[in-house]
Amino acid sequence: MIKTPLPIIMKEGLIIDYNLRIRGISMNWSSLISTYNPPYNFVDEQIIGPYKMWHHTHTFIEKNKGTYIVDDIRYSLPFGFIGQMAHSLFVRRDLESIFIYRKKSINELIRG
């Protein structure tokens, strides 16, 4: 759930606050829009949240009279070896599922 009041006007320096439920655990997440370069890309970086580091570049490429979205996500988990185990056991799959869901949702929005 987005906690930042709507409408959100994207711009460099914007902070977006969320409350997320991850595997049944409620947590706060704040992202900084550190780069905003429409219509080409933007970057969000976690400033509060479950990751030790999260840097997500969203790139938009014109292709075949449409737009191709490329996500470059760099992240690390806290807690050393325990974080590595969590990544192997479920974090990687959870992230893959999130982006599969996003792709499906965007396709449904576009197709109406």
PDB file of N, CA and C in Angstrom:
ATOM      1  N   MET A   1       0.843  -1.166   0.000  1.00  0.00           N
ATOM      2  CA  MET A   1       0.000   0.000   0.000  1.00  0.00           C
ATOM      3  C   MET A   1       0.902   1.247   0.000  1.00  0.00           C
ATOM      4  N   ILE A   2       0.583   2.180  -0.887  1.00  0.00           N
ATOM      5  CA  ILE A   2       1.342   3.427  -0.949  1.00  0.00           C
ATOM      6  C   ILE A   2       0.821   4.362   0.134  1.00  0.00           C
ATOM      7  N   LYS A   3       1.719   4.845   0.986  1.00  0.00           N
ATOM      8  CA  LYS A   3       1.351   5.760   2.064  1.00  0.00           C
ATOM      9  C   LYS A   3       1.503   7.227   1.654  1.00  0.00           C
ATOM     10  N   THR A   4       2.314   7.488   0.637  1.00  0.00           N
ATOM     11  CA  THR A   4       2.511   8.848   0.152  1.00  0.00           C
ATOM     12  C   THR A   4       1.192   9.339  -0.443  1.00  0.00           C
ATOM     13  N   PRO A   5       0.762  10.555  -0.075  1.00  0.00           N
ATOM     14  CA  PRO A   5      -0.507  11.064  -0.604  1.00  0.00           C
ATOM     15  C   PRO A   5      -0.509  11.115  -2.138  1.00  0.00           C
ATOM     16  N   LEU A   6      -1.654  10.744  -2.695  1.00  0.00           N
ATOM     17  CA  LEU A   6      -1.849  10.778  -4.137  1.00  0.00           C
ATOM     18  C   LEU A   6      -2.425  12.126  -4.555  1.00  0.00           C
ATOM     19  N   PRO A   7      -2.220  12.599  -5.757  1.00  0.00           N
ATOM     20  CA  PRO A   7      -1.432  11.964  -6.804  1.00  0.00           C
ATOM     21  C   PRO A   7       0.058  12.156  -6.562  1.00  0.00           C
ATOM     22  N   ILE A   8       0.832  11.190  -6.977  1.00  0.00           N
ATOM     23  CA  ILE A   8       2.289  11.270  -6.866  1.00  0.00           C
ATOM     24  C   ILE A   8       2.815  11.860  -8.167  1.00  0.00           C
ATOM     25  N   ILE A   9       3.554  12.919  -8.060  1.00  0.00           N
ATOM     26  CA  ILE A   9       4.150  13.558  -9.229  1.00  0.00           C
ATOM     27  C   ILE A   9       5.625  13.179  -9.253  1.00  0.00           C
ATOM     28  N   MET A  10       5.965  12.343 -10.232  1.00  0.00           N
ATOM     29  CA  MET A  10       7.331  11.840 -10.318  1.00  0.00           C
ATOM     30  C   MET A  10       8.307  12.968 -10.595  1.00  0.00           C
ATOM     31  N   LYS A  11       9.413  12.938  -9.849  1.00  0.00           N
ATOM     32  CA  LYS A  11      10.498  13.893 -10.049  1.00  0.00           C
ATOM     33  C   LYS A  11      11.703  13.391  -9.280  1.00  0.00           C
ATOM     34  N   GLU A  12      12.864  13.860  -9.683  1.00  0.00           N
ATOM     35  CA  GLU A  12      14.087  13.515  -8.967  1.00  0.00           C
ATOM     36  C   GLU A  12      14.001  14.087  -7.558  1.00  0.00           C
ATOM     37  N   GLY A  13      14.366  13.269  -6.578  1.00  0.00           N
ATOM     38  CA  GLY A  13      14.326  13.685  -5.181  1.00  0.00           C
ATOM     39  C   GLY A  13      13.051  13.282  -4.458  1.00  0.00           C
ATOM     40  N   LEU A  14      12.059  12.781  -5.189  1.00  0.00           N
ATOM     41  CA  LEU A  14      10.801  12.349  -4.580  1.00  0.00           C
ATOM     42  C   LEU A  14      11.037  11.150  -3.674  1.00  0.00           C
ATOM     43  N   ILE A  15      10.396  11.146  -2.519  1.00  0.00           N
ATOM     44  CA  ILE A  15      10.412   9.984  -1.624  1.00  0.00           C
ATOM     45  C   ILE A  15       9.007   9.408  -1.601  1.00  0.00           C
ATOM     46  N   ILE A  16       8.907   8.110  -1.863  1.00  0.00           N
ATOM     47  CA  ILE A  16       7.626   7.410  -1.852  1.00  0.00           C
ATOM     48  C   ILE A  16       7.660   6.419  -0.697  1.00  0.00           C
ATOM     49  N   ASP A  17       6.649   6.513   0.170  1.00  0.00           N
ATOM     50  CA  ASP A  17       6.542   5.640   1.338  1.00  0.00           C
ATOM     51  C   ASP A  17       5.472   4.580   1.098  1.00  0.00           C
ATOM     52  N   TYR A  18       5.790   3.352   1.479  1.00  0.00           N
ATOM     53  CA  TYR A  18       4.892   2.219   1.316  1.00  0.00           C
ATOM     54  C   TYR A  18       4.775   1.483   2.640  1.00  0.00           C
ATOM     55  N   ASN A  19       3.699   0.714   2.773  1.00  0.00           N
ATOM     56  CA  ASN A  19       3.625  -0.317   3.788  1.00  0.00           C
ATOM     57  C   ASN A  19       3.397  -1.610   3.031  1.00  0.00           C
ATOM     58  N   LEU A  20       4.313  -2.551   3.172  1.00  0.00           N
ATOM     59  CA  LEU A  20       4.257  -3.809   2.441  1.00  0.00           C
ATOM     60  C   LEU A  20       4.024  -4.966   3.393  1.00  0.00           C
ATOM     61  N   ARG A  21       3.465  -6.022   2.863  1.00  0.00           N
ATOM     62  CA  ARG A  21       3.346  -7.269   3.603  1.00  0.00           C
ATOM     63  C   ARG A  21       4.161  -8.290   2.828  1.00  0.00           C
ATOM     64  N   ILE A  22       5.255  -8.730   3.424  1.00  0.00           N
ATOM     65  CA  ILE A  22       6.137  -9.705   2.800  1.00  0.00           C
ATOM     66  C   ILE A  22       6.110 -10.967   3.639  1.00  0.00           C
ATOM     67  N   ARG A  23       5.595 -12.026   3.031  1.00  0.00           N
ATOM     68  CA  ARG A  23       5.462 -13.309   3.719  1.00  0.00           C
ATOM     69  C   ARG A  23       4.752 -13.157   5.059  1.00  0.00           C
ATOM     70  N   GLY A  24       3.700 -12.314   5.058  1.00  0.00           N
ATOM     71  CA  GLY A  24       2.876 -12.127   6.245  1.00  0.00           C
ATOM     72  C   GLY A  24       3.412 -11.106   7.237  1.00  0.00           C
ATOM     73  N   ILE A  25       4.569 -10.549   6.973  1.00  0.00           N
ATOM     74  CA  ILE A  25       5.172  -9.578   7.890  1.00  0.00           C
ATOM     75  C   ILE A  25       4.997  -8.181   7.302  1.00  0.00           C
ATOM     76  N   SER A  26       4.388  -7.289   8.081  1.00  0.00           N
ATOM     77  CA  SER A  26       4.182  -5.911   7.652  1.00  0.00           C
ATOM     78  C   SER A  26       5.478  -5.119   7.856  1.00  0.00           C
ATOM     79  N   MET A  27       5.846  -4.341   6.840  1.00  0.00           N
ATOM     80  CA  MET A  27       7.048  -3.523   6.981  1.00  0.00           C
ATOM     81  C   MET A  27       6.921  -2.254   6.158  1.00  0.00           C
ATOM     82  N   ASN A  28       7.644  -1.252   6.589  1.00  0.00           N
ATOM     83  CA  ASN A  28       7.681   0.014   5.874  1.00  0.00           C
ATOM     84  C   ASN A  28       8.837   0.003   4.882  1.00  0.00           C
ATOM     85  N   TRP A  29       8.623   0.700   3.763  1.00  0.00           N
ATOM     86  CA  TRP A  29       9.632   0.830   2.718  1.00  0.00           C
ATOM     87  C   TRP A  29       9.539   2.261   2.228  1.00  0.00           C
ATOM     88  N   SER A  30      10.670   2.914   2.124  1.00  0.00           N
ATOM     89  CA  SER A  30      10.734   4.247   1.522  1.00  0.00           C
ATOM     90  C   SER A  30      11.733   4.197   0.388  1.00  0.00           C
ATOM     91  N   SER A  31      11.308   4.741  -0.762  1.00  0.00           N
ATOM     92  CA  SER A  31      12.162   4.787  -1.945  1.00  0.00           C
ATOM     93  C   SER A  31      12.424   6.230  -2.329  1.00  0.00           C
ATOM     94  N   LEU A  32      13.652   6.485  -2.721  1.00  0.00           N
ATOM     95  CA  LEU A  32      14.059   7.778  -3.257  1.00  0.00           C
ATOM     96  C   LEU A  32      14.143   7.654  -4.768  1.00  0.00           C
ATOM     97  N   ILE A  33      13.494   8.557  -5.496  1.00  0.00           N
ATOM     98  CA  ILE A  33      13.681   8.616  -6.942  1.00  0.00           C
ATOM     99  C   ILE A  33      14.952   9.434  -7.152  1.00  0.00           C
ATOM    100  N   SER A  34      16.053   8.730  -7.370  1.00  0.00           N
ATOM    101  CA  SER A  34      17.362   9.392  -7.437  1.00  0.00           C
ATOM    102  C   SER A  34      17.694   9.893  -8.835  1.00  0.00           C
ATOM    103  N   THR A  35      17.050   9.333  -9.840  1.00  0.00           N
ATOM    104  CA  THR A  35      17.211   9.781 -11.222  1.00  0.00           C
ATOM    105  C   THR A  35      15.835   9.751 -11.873  1.00  0.00           C
ATOM    106  N   TYR A  36      15.501  10.808 -12.590  1.00  0.00           N
ATOM    107  CA  TYR A  36      14.238  10.850 -13.326  1.00  0.00           C
ATOM    108  C   TYR A  36      14.514  11.498 -14.666  1.00  0.00           C
ATOM    109  N   ASN A  37      14.497  10.689 -15.709  1.00  0.00           N
ATOM    110  CA  ASN A  37      14.885  11.120 -17.040  1.00  0.00           C
ATOM    111  C   ASN A  37      13.847  10.642 -18.066  1.00  0.00           C
ATOM    112  N   PRO A  38      12.613  11.220 -17.994  1.00  0.00           N
ATOM    113  CA  PRO A  38      11.581  10.748 -18.915  1.00  0.00           C
ATOM    114  C   PRO A  38      11.891  11.152 -20.351  1.00  0.00           C
ATOM    115  N   PRO A  39      11.534  10.366 -21.312  1.00  0.00           N
ATOM    116  CA  PRO A  39      10.806   9.089 -21.247  1.00  0.00           C
ATOM    117  C   PRO A  39      11.740   7.882 -21.230  1.00  0.00           C
ATOM    118  N   TYR A  40      12.993   8.086 -20.847  1.00  0.00           N
ATOM    119  CA  TYR A  40      13.994   7.021 -20.984  1.00  0.00           C
ATOM    120  C   TYR A  40      14.161   6.131 -19.759  1.00  0.00           C
ATOM    121  N   ASN A  41      14.248   6.742 -18.583  1.00  0.00           N
ATOM    122  CA  ASN A  41      14.499   5.915 -17.403  1.00  0.00           C
ATOM    123  C   ASN A  41      14.231   6.673 -16.121  1.00  0.00           C
ATOM    124  N   PHE A  42      14.168   5.902 -15.052  1.00  0.00           N
ATOM    125  CA  PHE A  42      14.218   6.464 -13.704  1.00  0.00           C
ATOM    126  C   PHE A  42      14.810   5.411 -12.783  1.00  0.00           C
ATOM    127  N   VAL A  43      15.327   5.878 -11.654  1.00  0.00           N
ATOM    128  CA  VAL A  43      15.958   4.993 -10.674  1.00  0.00           C
ATOM    129  C   VAL A  43      15.291   5.201  -9.329  1.00  0.00           C
ATOM    130  N   ASP A  44      14.921   4.098  -8.675  1.00  0.00           N
ATOM    131  CA  ASP A  44      14.484   4.179  -7.284  1.00  0.00           C
ATOM    132  C   ASP A  44      15.480   3.433  -6.417  1.00  0.00           C
ATOM    133  N   GLU A  45      15.771   4.033  -5.274  1.00  0.00           N
ATOM    134  CA  GLU A  45      16.698   3.443  -4.308  1.00  0.00           C
ATOM    135  C   GLU A  45      16.011   3.366  -2.955  1.00  0.00           C
ATOM    136  N   GLN A  46      16.119   2.208  -2.321  1.00  0.00           N
ATOM    137  CA  GLN A  46      15.546   2.050  -0.992  1.00  0.00           C
ATOM    138  C   GLN A  46      16.327   2.900   0.002  1.00  0.00           C
ATOM    139  N   ILE A  47      15.585   3.667   0.815  1.00  0.00           N
ATOM    140  CA  ILE A  47      16.236   4.372   1.921  1.00  0.00           C
ATOM    141  C   ILE A  47      15.803   3.793   3.271  1.00  0.00           C
ATOM    142  N   ILE A  48      14.631   3.148   3.294  1.00  0.00           N
ATOM    143  CA  ILE A  48      14.175   2.379   4.460  1.00  0.00           C
ATOM    144  C   ILE A  48      13.507   1.132   3.908  1.00  0.00           C
ATOM    145  N   GLY A  49      13.856  -0.027   4.435  1.00  0.00           N
ATOM    146  CA  GLY A  49      13.214  -1.244   3.964  1.00  0.00           C
ATOM    147  C   GLY A  49      13.986  -2.485   4.338  1.00  0.00           C
ATOM    148  N   PRO A  50      13.579  -3.612   3.761  1.00  0.00           N
ATOM    149  CA  PRO A  50      14.131  -4.897   4.179  1.00  0.00           C
ATOM    150  C   PRO A  50      15.508  -5.222   3.615  1.00  0.00           C
ATOM    151  N   TYR A  51      15.951  -4.501   2.602  1.00  0.00           N
ATOM    152  CA  TYR A  51      17.229  -4.812   1.972  1.00  0.00           C
ATOM    153  C   TYR A  51      18.358  -4.001   2.571  1.00  0.00           C
ATOM    154  N   LYS A  52      19.532  -4.562   2.523  1.00  0.00           N
ATOM    155  CA  LYS A  52      20.719  -3.799   2.915  1.00  0.00           C
ATOM    156  C   LYS A  52      20.969  -2.711   1.879  1.00  0.00           C
ATOM    157  N   MET A  53      20.721  -3.070   0.595  1.00  0.00           N
ATOM    158  CA  MET A  53      20.860  -2.115  -0.506  1.00  0.00           C
ATOM    159  C   MET A  53      19.894  -2.519  -1.602  1.00  0.00           C
ATOM    160  N   TRP A  54      19.207  -1.536  -2.196  1.00  0.00           N
ATOM    161  CA  TRP A  54      18.289  -1.756  -3.318  1.00  0.00           C
ATOM    162  C   TRP A  54      18.438  -0.590  -4.278  1.00  0.00           C
ATOM    163  N   HIS A  55      18.801  -0.884  -5.520  1.00  0.00           N
ATOM    164  CA  HIS A  55      18.978   0.127  -6.570  1.00  0.00           C
ATOM    165  C   HIS A  55      18.311  -0.435  -7.823  1.00  0.00           C
ATOM    166  N   HIS A  56      17.224   0.202  -8.261  1.00  0.00           N
ATOM    167  CA  HIS A  56      16.404  -0.330  -9.345  1.00  0.00           C
ATOM    168  C   HIS A  56      16.308   0.703 -10.458  1.00  0.00           C
ATOM    169  N   THR A  57      16.908   0.384 -11.596  1.00  0.00           N
ATOM    170  CA  THR A  57      16.825   1.240 -12.781  1.00  0.00           C
ATOM    171  C   THR A  57      15.739   0.696 -13.698  1.00  0.00           C
ATOM    172  N   HIS A  58      14.767   1.551 -14.019  1.00  0.00           N
ATOM    173  CA  HIS A  58      13.686   1.237 -14.950  1.00  0.00           C
ATOM    174  C   HIS A  58      14.045   1.944 -16.260  1.00  0.00           C
ATOM    175  N   THR A  59      14.234   1.193 -17.332  1.00  0.00           N
ATOM    176  CA  THR A  59      14.576   1.776 -18.625  1.00  0.00           C
ATOM    177  C   THR A  59      13.462   1.452 -19.615  1.00  0.00           C
ATOM    178  N   PHE A  60      13.078   2.457 -20.409  1.00  0.00           N
ATOM    179  CA  PHE A  60      11.997   2.322 -21.373  1.00  0.00           C
ATOM    180  C   PHE A  60      12.576   2.505 -22.771  1.00  0.00           C
ATOM    181  N   ILE A  61      12.416   1.491 -23.614  1.00  0.00           N
ATOM    182  CA  ILE A  61      13.006   1.485 -24.947  1.00  0.00           C
ATOM    183  C   ILE A  61      11.876   1.359 -25.969  1.00  0.00           C
ATOM    184  N   GLU A  62      11.853   2.286 -26.934  1.00  0.00           N
ATOM    185  CA  GLU A  62      10.875   2.198 -28.017  1.00  0.00           C
ATOM    186  C   GLU A  62      11.254   1.019 -28.911  1.00  0.00           C
ATOM    187  N   LYS A  63      10.273   0.139 -29.145  1.00  0.00           N
ATOM    188  CA  LYS A  63      10.560  -1.064 -29.928  1.00  0.00           C
ATOM    189  C   LYS A  63       9.277  -1.536 -30.607  1.00  0.00           C
ATOM    190  N   ASN A  64       9.342  -1.727 -31.917  1.00  0.00           N
ATOM    191  CA  ASN A  64       8.195  -2.248 -32.683  1.00  0.00           C
ATOM    192  C   ASN A  64       6.907  -1.474 -32.388  1.00  0.00           C
ATOM    193  N   LYS A  65       6.987  -0.147 -32.423  1.00  0.00           N
ATOM    194  CA  LYS A  65       5.832   0.731 -32.179  1.00  0.00           C
ATOM    195  C   LYS A  65       5.249   0.558 -30.782  1.00  0.00           C
ATOM    196  N   GLY A  66       6.071   0.108 -29.857  1.00  0.00           N
ATOM    197  CA  GLY A  66       5.647  -0.059 -28.475  1.00  0.00           C
ATOM    198  C   GLY A  66       6.790   0.302 -27.548  1.00  0.00           C
ATOM    199  N   THR A  67       6.646  -0.056 -26.296  1.00  0.00           N
ATOM    200  CA  THR A  67       7.668   0.237 -25.296  1.00  0.00           C
ATOM    201  C   THR A  67       8.105  -1.059 -24.624  1.00  0.00           C
ATOM    202  N   TYR A  68       9.391  -1.244 -24.567  1.00  0.00           N
ATOM    203  CA  TYR A  68      10.003  -2.397 -23.904  1.00  0.00           C
ATOM    204  C   TYR A  68      10.564  -1.892 -22.581  1.00  0.00           C
ATOM    205  N   ILE A  69      10.219  -2.554 -21.480  1.00  0.00           N
ATOM    206  CA  ILE A  69      10.670  -2.142 -20.157  1.00  0.00           C
ATOM    207  C   ILE A  69      11.799  -3.065 -19.712  1.00  0.00           C
ATOM    208  N   VAL A  70      12.921  -2.469 -19.328  1.00  0.00           N
ATOM    209  CA  VAL A  70      14.064  -3.227 -18.834  1.00  0.00           C
ATOM    210  C   VAL A  70      14.291  -2.836 -17.379  1.00  0.00           C
ATOM    211  N   ASP A  71      14.379  -3.826 -16.514  1.00  0.00           N
ATOM    212  CA  ASP A  71      14.648  -3.603 -15.095  1.00  0.00           C
ATOM    213  C   ASP A  71      16.051  -4.082 -14.783  1.00  0.00           C
ATOM    214  N   ASP A  72      16.855  -3.193 -14.219  1.00  0.00           N
ATOM    215  CA  ASP A  72      18.169  -3.573 -13.709  1.00  0.00           C
ATOM    216  C   ASP A  72      18.097  -3.369 -12.203  1.00  0.00           C
ATOM    217  N   ILE A  73      18.120  -4.477 -11.469  1.00  0.00           N
ATOM    218  CA  ILE A  73      17.965  -4.420 -10.018  1.00  0.00           C
ATOM    219  C   ILE A  73      19.235  -4.922  -9.368  1.00  0.00           C
ATOM    220  N   ARG A  74      19.779  -4.090  -8.537  1.00  0.00           N
ATOM    221  CA  ARG A  74      20.952  -4.474  -7.753  1.00  0.00           C
ATOM    222  C   ARG A  74      20.552  -4.378  -6.292  1.00  0.00           C
ATOM    223  N   TYR A  75      20.768  -5.455  -5.581  1.00  0.00           N
ATOM    224  CA  TYR A  75      20.345  -5.483  -4.186  1.00  0.00           C
ATOM    225  C   TYR A  75      21.235  -6.411  -3.393  1.00  0.00           C
ATOM    226  N   SER A  76      21.216  -6.198  -2.103  1.00  0.00           N
ATOM    227  CA  SER A  76      21.869  -7.132  -1.192  1.00  0.00           C
ATOM    228  C   SER A  76      21.009  -7.218   0.060  1.00  0.00           C
ATOM    229  N   LEU A  77      21.126  -8.346   0.713  1.00  0.00           N
ATOM    230  CA  LEU A  77      20.347  -8.599   1.924  1.00  0.00           C
ATOM    231  C   LEU A  77      21.219  -8.417   3.155  1.00  0.00           C
ATOM    232  N   PRO A  78      20.590  -8.043   4.263  1.00  0.00           N
ATOM    233  CA  PRO A  78      21.346  -7.958   5.511  1.00  0.00           C
ATOM    234  C   PRO A  78      21.565  -9.352   6.109  1.00  0.00           C
ATOM    235  N   PHE A  79      22.230  -9.415   7.197  1.00  0.00           N
ATOM    236  CA  PHE A  79      22.385 -10.613   8.029  1.00  0.00           C
ATOM    237  C   PHE A  79      23.323 -11.669   7.463  1.00  0.00           C
ATOM    238  N   GLY A  80      24.255 -11.269   6.592  1.00  0.00           N
ATOM    239  CA  GLY A  80      25.309 -12.165   6.145  1.00  0.00           C
ATOM    240  C   GLY A  80      24.827 -13.504   5.637  1.00  0.00           C
ATOM    241  N   PHE A  81      25.311 -14.581   6.259  1.00  0.00           N
ATOM    242  CA  PHE A  81      24.999 -15.935   5.820  1.00  0.00           C
ATOM    243  C   PHE A  81      23.503 -16.218   5.888  1.00  0.00           C
ATOM    244  N   ILE A  82      22.830 -15.724   6.917  1.00  0.00           N
ATOM    245  CA  ILE A  82      21.382 -15.930   7.044  1.00  0.00           C
ATOM    246  C   ILE A  82      20.657 -15.255   5.881  1.00  0.00           C
ATOM    247  N   GLY A  83      21.095 -14.051   5.517  1.00  0.00           N
ATOM    248  CA  GLY A  83      20.519 -13.359   4.365  1.00  0.00           C
ATOM    249  C   GLY A  83      20.750 -14.122   3.075  1.00  0.00           C
ATOM    250  N   GLN A  84      21.929 -14.712   2.923  1.00  0.00           N
ATOM    251  CA  GLN A  84      22.223 -15.526   1.732  1.00  0.00           C
ATOM    252  C   GLN A  84      21.313 -16.749   1.668  1.00  0.00           C
ATOM    253  N   MET A  85      21.078 -17.374   2.795  1.00  0.00           N
ATOM    254  CA  MET A  85      20.177 -18.535   2.844  1.00  0.00           C
ATOM    255  C   MET A  85      18.763 -18.110   2.483  1.00  0.00           C
ATOM    256  N   ALA A  86      18.311 -16.994   3.046  1.00  0.00           N
ATOM    257  CA  ALA A  86      16.963 -16.492   2.740  1.00  0.00           C
ATOM    258  C   ALA A  86      16.836 -16.208   1.247  1.00  0.00           C
ATOM    259  N   HIS A  87      17.883 -15.656   0.655  1.00  0.00           N
ATOM    260  CA  HIS A  87      17.865 -15.373  -0.778  1.00  0.00           C
ATOM    261  C   HIS A  87      17.690 -16.665  -1.562  1.00  0.00           C
ATOM    262  N   SER A  88      18.460 -17.671  -1.211  1.00  0.00           N
ATOM    263  CA  SER A  88      18.380 -18.958  -1.910  1.00  0.00           C
ATOM    264  C   SER A  88      17.033 -19.638  -1.713  1.00  0.00           C
ATOM    265  N   LEU A  89      16.484 -19.523  -0.510  1.00  0.00           N
ATOM    266  CA  LEU A  89      15.246 -20.232  -0.190  1.00  0.00           C
ATOM    267  C   LEU A  89      13.995 -19.563  -0.746  1.00  0.00           C
ATOM    268  N   PHE A  90      13.933 -18.204  -0.698  1.00  0.00           N
ATOM    269  CA  PHE A  90      12.697 -17.582  -1.145  1.00  0.00           C
ATOM    270  C   PHE A  90      12.802 -16.180  -1.727  1.00  0.00           C
ATOM    271  N   VAL A  91      13.782 -15.385  -1.391  1.00  0.00           N
ATOM    272  CA  VAL A  91      13.815 -13.995  -1.856  1.00  0.00           C
ATOM    273  C   VAL A  91      13.907 -13.926  -3.376  1.00  0.00           C
ATOM    274  N   ARG A  92      14.801 -14.683  -3.967  1.00  0.00           N
ATOM    275  CA  ARG A  92      14.955 -14.662  -5.427  1.00  0.00           C
ATOM    276  C   ARG A  92      13.636 -15.006  -6.112  1.00  0.00           C
ATOM    277  N   ARG A  93      12.982 -16.078  -5.656  1.00  0.00           N
ATOM    278  CA  ARG A  93      11.696 -16.477  -6.252  1.00  0.00           C
ATOM    279  C   ARG A  93      10.616 -15.432  -6.025  1.00  0.00           C
ATOM    280  N   ASP A  94      10.587 -14.829  -4.840  1.00  0.00           N
ATOM    281  CA  ASP A  94       9.596 -13.786  -4.565  1.00  0.00           C
ATOM    282  C   ASP A  94       9.770 -12.609  -5.520  1.00  0.00           C
ATOM    283  N   LEU A  95      11.012 -12.191  -5.749  1.00  0.00           N
ATOM    284  CA  LEU A  95      11.264 -11.081  -6.671  1.00  0.00           C
ATOM    285  C   LEU A  95      10.864 -11.446  -8.094  1.00  0.00           C
ATOM    286  N   GLU A  96      11.193 -12.651  -8.527  1.00  0.00           N
ATOM    287  CA  GLU A  96      10.789 -13.087  -9.865  1.00  0.00           C
ATOM    288  C   GLU A  96       9.273 -13.060  -9.995  1.00  0.00           C
ATOM    289  N   SER A  97       8.559 -13.512  -8.973  1.00  0.00           N
ATOM    290  CA  SER A  97       7.096 -13.517  -8.996  1.00  0.00           C
ATOM    291  C   SER A  97       6.532 -12.107  -9.070  1.00  0.00           C
ATOM    292  N   ILE A  98       7.140 -11.179  -8.341  1.00  0.00           N
ATOM    293  CA  ILE A  98       6.682  -9.789  -8.353  1.00  0.00           C
ATOM    294  C   ILE A  98       6.785  -9.216  -9.767  1.00  0.00           C
ATOM    295  N   PHE A  99       7.889  -9.463 -10.444  1.00  0.00           N
ATOM    296  CA  PHE A  99       8.070  -8.883 -11.774  1.00  0.00           C
ATOM    297  C   PHE A  99       7.245  -9.611 -12.833  1.00  0.00           C
ATOM    298  N   ILE A 100       6.983 -10.883 -12.658  1.00  0.00           N
ATOM    299  CA  ILE A 100       6.052 -11.590 -13.547  1.00  0.00           C
ATOM    300  C   ILE A 100       4.653 -10.997 -13.389  1.00  0.00           C
ATOM    301  N   TYR A 101       4.250 -10.751 -12.148  1.00  0.00           N
ATOM    302  CA  TYR A 101       2.939 -10.145 -11.875  1.00  0.00           C
ATOM    303  C   TYR A 101       2.855  -8.745 -12.475  1.00  0.00           C
ATOM    304  N   ARG A 102       3.906  -7.951 -12.317  1.00  0.00           N
ATOM    305  CA  ARG A 102       3.905  -6.592 -12.874  1.00  0.00           C
ATOM    306  C   ARG A 102       3.764  -6.633 -14.390  1.00  0.00           C
ATOM    307  N   LYS A 103       4.496  -7.520 -15.041  1.00  0.00           N
ATOM    308  CA  LYS A 103       4.413  -7.638 -16.504  1.00  0.00           C
ATOM    309  C   LYS A 103       2.994  -7.995 -16.934  1.00  0.00           C
ATOM    310  N   LYS A 104       2.406  -8.950 -16.243  1.00  0.00           N
ATOM    311  CA  LYS A 104       1.029  -9.364 -16.550  1.00  0.00           C
ATOM    312  C   LYS A 104       0.061  -8.200 -16.347  1.00  0.00           C
ATOM    313  N   SER A 105       0.217  -7.468 -15.251  1.00  0.00           N
ATOM    314  CA  SER A 105      -0.680  -6.349 -14.945  1.00  0.00           C
ATOM    315  C   SER A 105      -0.546  -5.228 -15.980  1.00  0.00           C
ATOM    316  N   ILE A 106       0.671  -4.923 -16.382  1.00  0.00           N
ATOM    317  CA  ILE A 106       0.883  -3.876 -17.403  1.00  0.00           C
ATOM    318  C   ILE A 106       0.253  -4.321 -18.719  1.00  0.00           C
ATOM    319  N   ASN A 107       0.462  -5.560 -19.110  1.00  0.00           N
ATOM    320  CA  ASN A 107      -0.133  -6.063 -20.352  1.00  0.00           C
ATOM    321  C   ASN A 107      -1.651  -5.978 -20.313  1.00  0.00           C
ATOM    322  N   GLU A 108      -2.269  -6.320 -19.162  1.00  0.00           N
ATOM    323  CA  GLU A 108      -3.724  -6.231 -19.038  1.00  0.00           C
ATOM    324  C   GLU A 108      -4.196  -4.784 -19.126  1.00  0.00           C
ATOM    325  N   LEU A 109      -3.486  -3.865 -18.505  1.00  0.00           N
ATOM    326  CA  LEU A 109      -3.849  -2.440 -18.576  1.00  0.00           C
ATOM    327  C   LEU A 109      -3.794  -1.928 -20.008  1.00  0.00           C
ATOM    328  N   ILE A 110      -2.758  -2.326 -20.724  1.00  0.00           N
ATOM    329  CA  ILE A 110      -2.584  -1.853 -22.097  1.00  0.00           C
ATOM    330  C   ILE A 110      -3.660  -2.424 -23.013  1.00  0.00           C
ATOM    331  N   ARG A 111      -3.974  -3.679 -22.823  1.00  0.00           N
ATOM    332  CA  ARG A 111      -4.974  -4.330 -23.695  1.00  0.00           C
ATOM    333  C   ARG A 111      -6.401  -3.926 -23.333  1.00  0.00           C
ATOM    334  N   GLY A 112      -6.578  -3.351 -22.134  1.00  0.00           N
ATOM    335  CA  GLY A 112      -7.902  -2.889 -21.729  1.00  0.00           C
ATOM    336  C   GLY A 112      -8.694  -3.987 -21.193  1.00  0.00           C
TER     337      GLY A 112
END
